[in-house]
Amino acid sequence: MKVSPIKINLNKQIPQNNKSKTLLQIRKTPVKDALIVLGYTSLPIVIYEGVSQIRSYIKRKKNKSINVSV
């Protein structure tokens, strides 16, 4: 059995997987940009994201409970 040779184009860019994007690439905010510019590690960014998500979760729960009671 003979295997035919393949041609590899080195100039073509490899497609990136959309799922491999980090959180910073998906959604940027001025606070995250400032942390990056100041040279902080990713830990403050993770803490900031966690607080933001918890705040939005609480706000949604509060709005749901207000809408249900009305």
C-alpha atoms as a PDB file:
ATOM      1  CA  MET A   1       0.000   0.000   0.000  1.00  0.00           C
ATOM      2  CA  LYS A   2       1.429   3.348  -1.043  1.00  0.00           C
ATOM      3  CA  VAL A   3       0.720   6.529   0.887  1.00  0.00           C
ATOM      4  CA  SER A   4       0.483   9.668  -1.189  1.00  0.00           C
ATOM      5  CA  PRO A   5       2.498  12.675  -0.008  1.00  0.00           C
ATOM      6  CA  ILE A   6       0.730  15.707   1.383  1.00  0.00           C
ATOM      7  CA  LYS A   7       1.621  19.344   0.899  1.00  0.00           C
ATOM      8  CA  ILE A   8       1.752  21.569   3.959  1.00  0.00           C
ATOM      9  CA  ASN A   9       1.198  25.272   3.449  1.00  0.00           C
ATOM     10  CA  LEU A  10       3.249  27.020   6.136  1.00  0.00           C
ATOM     11  CA  ASN A  11       1.930  30.472   5.259  1.00  0.00           C
ATOM     12  CA  LYS A  12      -1.676  29.618   6.105  1.00  0.00           C
ATOM     13  CA  GLN A  13      -2.778  30.548   9.619  1.00  0.00           C
ATOM     14  CA  ILE A  14      -4.029  27.786  11.839  1.00  0.00           C
ATOM     15  CA  PRO A  15      -7.700  28.375  12.770  1.00  0.00           C
ATOM     16  CA  GLN A  16      -8.165  29.143  16.440  1.00  0.00           C
ATOM     17  CA  ASN A  17     -10.756  27.356  18.507  1.00  0.00           C
ATOM     18  CA  ASN A  18     -13.328  29.851  19.815  1.00  0.00           C
ATOM     19  CA  LYS A  19     -13.612  27.945  23.075  1.00  0.00           C
ATOM     20  CA  SER A  20      -9.921  28.495  23.814  1.00  0.00           C
ATOM     21  CA  LYS A  21     -10.459  32.222  24.379  1.00  0.00           C
ATOM     22  CA  THR A  22      -9.896  33.417  27.891  1.00  0.00           C
ATOM     23  CA  LEU A  23     -12.381  35.430  29.846  1.00  0.00           C
ATOM     24  CA  LEU A  24     -10.395  38.588  29.219  1.00  0.00           C
ATOM     25  CA  GLN A  25     -10.613  38.105  25.461  1.00  0.00           C
ATOM     26  CA  ILE A  26     -14.350  37.541  25.573  1.00  0.00           C
ATOM     27  CA  ARG A  27     -15.461  40.503  27.650  1.00  0.00           C
ATOM     28  CA  LYS A  28     -13.252  43.439  28.557  1.00  0.00           C
ATOM     29  CA  THR A  29     -14.052  46.166  31.032  1.00  0.00           C
ATOM     30  CA  PRO A  30     -12.082  49.265  32.026  1.00  0.00           C
ATOM     31  CA  VAL A  31     -11.258  47.756  35.426  1.00  0.00           C
ATOM     32  CA  LYS A  32      -9.803  44.619  33.871  1.00  0.00           C
ATOM     33  CA  ASP A  33      -7.887  46.693  31.333  1.00  0.00           C
ATOM     34  CA  ALA A  34      -6.455  48.812  34.140  1.00  0.00           C
ATOM     35  CA  LEU A  35      -5.389  45.731  36.089  1.00  0.00           C
ATOM     36  CA  ILE A  36      -3.654  44.350  33.023  1.00  0.00           C
ATOM     37  CA  VAL A  37      -1.891  47.649  32.305  1.00  0.00           C
ATOM     38  CA  LEU A  38      -0.715  47.898  35.900  1.00  0.00           C
ATOM     39  CA  GLY A  39       0.816  44.435  35.556  1.00  0.00           C
ATOM     40  CA  TYR A  40      -1.251  42.616  38.105  1.00  0.00           C
ATOM     41  CA  THR A  41      -1.555  38.876  37.913  1.00  0.00           C
ATOM     42  CA  SER A  42      -4.795  37.207  36.977  1.00  0.00           C
ATOM     43  CA  LEU A  43      -5.869  36.712  40.617  1.00  0.00           C
ATOM     44  CA  PRO A  44      -7.314  40.233  41.096  1.00  0.00           C
ATOM     45  CA  ILE A  45      -9.111  39.855  37.777  1.00  0.00           C
ATOM     46  CA  VAL A  46     -10.627  36.552  38.895  1.00  0.00           C
ATOM     47  CA  ILE A  47     -11.724  38.129  42.174  1.00  0.00           C
ATOM     48  CA  TYR A  48     -13.234  41.096  40.324  1.00  0.00           C
ATOM     49  CA  GLU A  49     -15.087  38.763  37.940  1.00  0.00           C
ATOM     50  CA  GLY A  50     -16.380  36.675  40.831  1.00  0.00           C
ATOM     51  CA  VAL A  51     -17.714  39.729  42.641  1.00  0.00           C
ATOM     52  CA  SER A  52     -19.312  41.017  39.429  1.00  0.00           C
ATOM     53  CA  GLN A  53     -21.033  37.696  38.754  1.00  0.00           C
ATOM     54  CA  ILE A  54     -22.267  37.378  42.333  1.00  0.00           C
ATOM     55  CA  ARG A  55     -23.586  40.957  42.206  1.00  0.00           C
ATOM     56  CA  SER A  56     -25.465  40.314  38.960  1.00  0.00           C
ATOM     57  CA  TYR A  57     -26.824  36.997  40.321  1.00  0.00           C
ATOM     58  CA  ILE A  58     -28.147  38.710  43.448  1.00  0.00           C
ATOM     59  CA  LYS A  59     -29.641  41.517  41.377  1.00  0.00           C
ATOM     60  CA  ARG A  60     -31.435  38.997  39.112  1.00  0.00           C
ATOM     61  CA  LYS A  61     -32.748  37.045  42.111  1.00  0.00           C
ATOM     62  CA  LYS A  62     -33.964  40.266  43.706  1.00  0.00           C
ATOM     63  CA  ASN A  63     -35.741  41.317  40.500  1.00  0.00           C
ATOM     64  CA  LYS A  64     -37.344  37.871  40.163  1.00  0.00           C
ATOM     65  CA  SER A  65     -38.649  37.937  43.730  1.00  0.00           C
ATOM     66  CA  ILE A  66     -40.042  41.449  43.231  1.00  0.00           C
ATOM     67  CA  ASN A  67     -41.794  40.414  40.008  1.00  0.00           C
ATOM     68  CA  VAL A  68     -43.266  37.310  41.635  1.00  0.00           C
ATOM     69  CA  SER A  69     -44.673  39.222  44.619  1.00  0.00           C
ATOM     70  CA  VAL A  70     -46.322  41.908  42.461  1.00  0.00           C
END
